[in-house]
Amino acid sequence: MKFTQYFLYTRQRADRAAIKMEWIEETINNPVHTEIQSDGRIRKWKKIEGTTSDITA
């Protein structure tokens, strides 16, 4: 899967360490909501079972 440099940089932050790559791929492929930001970046959301929050990819 191909990612932007911004995404790869953000992924390295300590607060993102617990996010699994399989969750990211599932969110990208099957989002429950998609939003295009004013700068052109695309945000996608999905509830990950067994967690207490949504994931945004």
C-alpha atoms as a PDB file:
ATOM      1  CA  MET A   1       0.000   0.000   0.000  1.00  0.00           C
ATOM      2  CA  LYS A   2       1.251   3.476  -0.864  1.00  0.00           C
ATOM      3  CA  PHE A   3       1.288   6.302   1.734  1.00  0.00           C
ATOM      4  CA  THR A   4       2.172  10.005   1.733  1.00  0.00           C
ATOM      5  CA  GLN A   5       5.258  11.255   3.554  1.00  0.00           C
ATOM      6  CA  TYR A   6       2.971  13.162   5.937  1.00  0.00           C
ATOM      7  CA  PHE A   7       1.187   9.934   6.880  1.00  0.00           C
ATOM      8  CA  LEU A   8       4.453   8.026   7.384  1.00  0.00           C
ATOM      9  CA  TYR A   9       5.847  10.831   9.558  1.00  0.00           C
ATOM     10  CA  THR A  10       2.679  11.031  11.669  1.00  0.00           C
ATOM     11  CA  ARG A  11       2.633   7.243  12.056  1.00  0.00           C
ATOM     12  CA  GLN A  12       5.987   7.386  13.892  1.00  0.00           C
ATOM     13  CA  ARG A  13       4.624   9.509  16.757  1.00  0.00           C
ATOM     14  CA  ALA A  14       4.495   7.847  20.174  1.00  0.00           C
ATOM     15  CA  ASP A  15       0.732   8.397  20.480  1.00  0.00           C
ATOM     16  CA  ARG A  16       0.209   6.375  17.269  1.00  0.00           C
ATOM     17  CA  ALA A  17       2.391   3.386  18.246  1.00  0.00           C
ATOM     18  CA  ALA A  18      -0.563   1.179  19.269  1.00  0.00           C
ATOM     19  CA  ILE A  19      -2.333   1.554  15.910  1.00  0.00           C
ATOM     20  CA  LYS A  20      -1.890  -1.638  13.902  1.00  0.00           C
ATOM     21  CA  MET A  21      -1.215  -1.564  10.149  1.00  0.00           C
ATOM     22  CA  GLU A  22      -4.098  -4.000   9.582  1.00  0.00           C
ATOM     23  CA  TRP A  23      -6.467  -1.472  11.192  1.00  0.00           C
ATOM     24  CA  ILE A  24      -5.176   1.239   8.870  1.00  0.00           C
ATOM     25  CA  GLU A  25      -5.619  -0.938   5.784  1.00  0.00           C
ATOM     26  CA  GLU A  26      -9.141  -1.959   6.855  1.00  0.00           C
ATOM     27  CA  THR A  27     -10.072   1.687   7.453  1.00  0.00           C
ATOM     28  CA  ILE A  28      -8.728   2.793   4.072  1.00  0.00           C
ATOM     29  CA  ASN A  29     -10.531  -0.038   2.263  1.00  0.00           C
ATOM     30  CA  ASN A  30     -13.845   0.077   4.207  1.00  0.00           C
ATOM     31  CA  PRO A  31     -14.396   3.470   5.868  1.00  0.00           C
ATOM     32  CA  VAL A  32     -17.680   4.404   7.521  1.00  0.00           C
ATOM     33  CA  HIS A  33     -17.026   8.071   6.720  1.00  0.00           C
ATOM     34  CA  THR A  34     -14.726   9.905   4.290  1.00  0.00           C
ATOM     35  CA  GLU A  35     -13.844  13.604   4.283  1.00  0.00           C
ATOM     36  CA  ILE A  36     -11.680  15.614   1.891  1.00  0.00           C
ATOM     37  CA  GLN A  37      -9.891  18.385   3.766  1.00  0.00           C
ATOM     38  CA  SER A  38      -9.318  21.879   2.367  1.00  0.00           C
ATOM     39  CA  ASP A  39      -5.652  21.019   1.694  1.00  0.00           C
ATOM     40  CA  GLY A  40      -6.650  17.968  -0.394  1.00  0.00           C
ATOM     41  CA  ARG A  41      -5.829  15.310   2.204  1.00  0.00           C
ATOM     42  CA  ILE A  42      -8.410  12.574   2.602  1.00  0.00           C
ATOM     43  CA  ARG A  43      -9.546  11.411   6.047  1.00  0.00           C
ATOM     44  CA  LYS A  44     -11.345   8.100   6.547  1.00  0.00           C
ATOM     45  CA  TRP A  45     -12.938   6.795   9.747  1.00  0.00           C
ATOM     46  CA  LYS A  46     -13.835   3.336  11.002  1.00  0.00           C
ATOM     47  CA  LYS A  47     -14.757   1.838  14.366  1.00  0.00           C
ATOM     48  CA  ILE A  48     -12.251  -0.877  15.236  1.00  0.00           C
ATOM     49  CA  GLU A  49     -13.847  -3.687  17.248  1.00  0.00           C
ATOM     50  CA  GLY A  50     -12.235  -4.274  20.624  1.00  0.00           C
ATOM     51  CA  THR A  51     -11.004  -0.681  20.987  1.00  0.00           C
ATOM     52  CA  THR A  52     -12.534   2.296  22.758  1.00  0.00           C
ATOM     53  CA  SER A  53     -12.185   4.774  19.915  1.00  0.00           C
ATOM     54  CA  ASP A  54     -12.482   5.243  16.178  1.00  0.00           C
ATOM     55  CA  ILE A  55      -9.476   5.186  13.879  1.00  0.00           C
ATOM     56  CA  THR A  56      -8.858   7.904  11.321  1.00  0.00           C
ATOM     57  CA  ALA A  57      -6.588   7.100   8.417  1.00  0.00           C
END
